[in-house]
């Protein structure tokens, strides 16, 4: 199976310091129009609530349960130290 003909949906989150961008892909194409929620980076409870609300909204837009969730968190990485 190639990425282009994979029929499974994957929910996506592109997390930034200011906003979270949510969507879903199937077969390497977007199937849910991307939308933005505030990251609330200064408040953990609000930030987690935004993540939960965003994925709930994406899930409600899909006809079937997703096969996976993809997260993208930008920032400096130290792969050798696991950070």
C-alpha atoms as a PDB file:
ATOM      1  CA  UNK A   1       0.000   0.000   0.000  1.00  0.00           C
ATOM      2  CA  UNK A   2       1.323   3.462  -0.850  1.00  0.00           C
ATOM      3  CA  UNK A   3       0.574   6.717   0.934  1.00  0.00           C
ATOM      4  CA  UNK A   4      -1.422   7.941  -2.077  1.00  0.00           C
ATOM      5  CA  UNK A   5      -3.981   5.116  -1.942  1.00  0.00           C
ATOM      6  CA  UNK A   6      -4.154   4.600   1.831  1.00  0.00           C
ATOM      7  CA  UNK A   7      -7.834   4.902   2.768  1.00  0.00           C
ATOM      8  CA  UNK A   8      -7.215   5.383   6.506  1.00  0.00           C
ATOM      9  CA  UNK A   9      -7.706   8.829   8.046  1.00  0.00           C
ATOM     10  CA  UNK A  10      -5.096  10.468  10.269  1.00  0.00           C
ATOM     11  CA  UNK A  11      -5.973  13.423  12.511  1.00  0.00           C
ATOM     12  CA  UNK A  12      -3.248  16.080  12.573  1.00  0.00           C
ATOM     13  CA  UNK A  13      -2.094  18.802  14.962  1.00  0.00           C
ATOM     14  CA  UNK A  14       0.540  21.390  14.084  1.00  0.00           C
ATOM     15  CA  UNK A  15       1.307  22.932  17.478  1.00  0.00           C
ATOM     16  CA  UNK A  16       2.879  26.351  17.781  1.00  0.00           C
ATOM     17  CA  UNK A  17       3.427  28.673  20.705  1.00  0.00           C
ATOM     18  CA  UNK A  18       0.494  30.877  19.705  1.00  0.00           C
ATOM     19  CA  UNK A  19      -1.916  28.608  17.817  1.00  0.00           C
ATOM     20  CA  UNK A  20      -2.818  24.989  17.197  1.00  0.00           C
ATOM     21  CA  UNK A  21      -3.757  24.046  13.614  1.00  0.00           C
ATOM     22  CA  UNK A  22      -5.945  20.937  13.309  1.00  0.00           C
ATOM     23  CA  UNK A  23      -6.888  18.896  10.230  1.00  0.00           C
ATOM     24  CA  UNK A  24      -7.075  15.332   8.921  1.00  0.00           C
ATOM     25  CA  UNK A  25      -5.493  13.596   5.944  1.00  0.00           C
ATOM     26  CA  UNK A  26      -6.290  10.491   3.931  1.00  0.00           C
ATOM     27  CA  UNK A  27      -4.210   9.214   1.051  1.00  0.00           C
ATOM     28  CA  UNK A  28      -1.776  12.123   1.475  1.00  0.00           C
ATOM     29  CA  UNK A  29      -4.617  14.649   0.956  1.00  0.00           C
ATOM     30  CA  UNK A  30      -6.437  16.895   3.387  1.00  0.00           C
ATOM     31  CA  UNK A  31      -9.979  15.665   4.163  1.00  0.00           C
ATOM     32  CA  UNK A  32     -10.816  18.186   6.892  1.00  0.00           C
ATOM     33  CA  UNK A  33     -10.385  21.911   6.257  1.00  0.00           C
ATOM     34  CA  UNK A  34      -7.624  23.120   8.600  1.00  0.00           C
ATOM     35  CA  UNK A  35      -8.792  25.292  11.499  1.00  0.00           C
ATOM     36  CA  UNK A  36      -7.000  27.173  14.256  1.00  0.00           C
ATOM     37  CA  UNK A  37      -7.515  27.244  18.029  1.00  0.00           C
ATOM     38  CA  UNK A  38      -5.459  29.270  20.519  1.00  0.00           C
ATOM     39  CA  UNK A  39      -2.552  27.432  22.140  1.00  0.00           C
ATOM     40  CA  UNK A  40      -2.980  29.199  25.501  1.00  0.00           C
ATOM     41  CA  UNK A  41       0.698  28.496  26.147  1.00  0.00           C
ATOM     42  CA  UNK A  42       0.608  30.249  29.524  1.00  0.00           C
ATOM     43  CA  UNK A  43      -2.178  28.034  30.937  1.00  0.00           C
ATOM     44  CA  UNK A  44      -1.809  24.234  30.882  1.00  0.00           C
ATOM     45  CA  UNK A  45      -5.497  23.509  31.542  1.00  0.00           C
ATOM     46  CA  UNK A  46      -6.648  25.815  28.737  1.00  0.00           C
ATOM     47  CA  UNK A  47      -3.987  24.432  26.397  1.00  0.00           C
ATOM     48  CA  UNK A  48      -5.096  20.842  27.020  1.00  0.00           C
ATOM     49  CA  UNK A  49      -8.736  21.913  26.591  1.00  0.00           C
ATOM     50  CA  UNK A  50      -7.874  23.396  23.169  1.00  0.00           C
ATOM     51  CA  UNK A  51      -6.165  20.155  22.112  1.00  0.00           C
ATOM     52  CA  UNK A  52      -9.143  18.080  23.260  1.00  0.00           C
ATOM     53  CA  UNK A  53     -11.676  20.383  21.595  1.00  0.00           C
ATOM     54  CA  UNK A  54      -9.690  20.476  18.363  1.00  0.00           C
ATOM     55  CA  UNK A  55      -9.383  16.716  18.025  1.00  0.00           C
ATOM     56  CA  UNK A  56     -13.033  16.262  18.986  1.00  0.00           C
ATOM     57  CA  UNK A  57     -14.025  18.674  16.181  1.00  0.00           C
ATOM     58  CA  UNK A  58     -11.835  16.838  13.655  1.00  0.00           C
ATOM     59  CA  UNK A  59     -13.215  13.446  14.742  1.00  0.00           C
ATOM     60  CA  UNK A  60     -16.801  14.700  14.313  1.00  0.00           C
ATOM     61  CA  UNK A  61     -15.922  15.637  10.710  1.00  0.00           C
ATOM     62  CA  UNK A  62     -14.750  12.126   9.828  1.00  0.00           C
ATOM     63  CA  UNK A  63     -17.096   9.354   8.687  1.00  0.00           C
ATOM     64  CA  UNK A  64     -15.031   6.678  10.486  1.00  0.00           C
ATOM     65  CA  UNK A  65     -12.597   6.587  13.408  1.00  0.00           C
ATOM     66  CA  UNK A  66      -9.058   7.722  12.538  1.00  0.00           C
ATOM     67  CA  UNK A  67      -6.237   5.191  12.263  1.00  0.00           C
ATOM     68  CA  UNK A  68      -3.761   7.532  13.980  1.00  0.00           C
ATOM     69  CA  UNK A  69      -3.035  10.987  15.317  1.00  0.00           C
ATOM     70  CA  UNK A  70      -0.062  12.993  14.066  1.00  0.00           C
ATOM     71  CA  UNK A  71       1.546  15.737  16.199  1.00  0.00           C
ATOM     72  CA  UNK A  72       4.053  18.336  14.985  1.00  0.00           C
ATOM     73  CA  UNK A  73       5.798  20.306  17.726  1.00  0.00           C
ATOM     74  CA  UNK A  74       8.440  22.751  16.474  1.00  0.00           C
ATOM     75  CA  UNK A  75      11.451  23.679  18.506  1.00  0.00           C
ATOM     76  CA  UNK A  76      15.068  22.888  19.125  1.00  0.00           C
ATOM     77  CA  UNK A  77      15.847  19.207  19.586  1.00  0.00           C
ATOM     78  CA  UNK A  78      18.704  17.331  21.188  1.00  0.00           C
ATOM     79  CA  UNK A  79      18.130  13.858  19.741  1.00  0.00           C
ATOM     80  CA  UNK A  80      21.170  12.327  21.454  1.00  0.00           C
ATOM     81  CA  UNK A  81      19.823  13.333  24.893  1.00  0.00           C
ATOM     82  CA  UNK A  82      16.209  12.506  24.031  1.00  0.00           C
ATOM     83  CA  UNK A  83      15.074  16.130  24.411  1.00  0.00           C
END
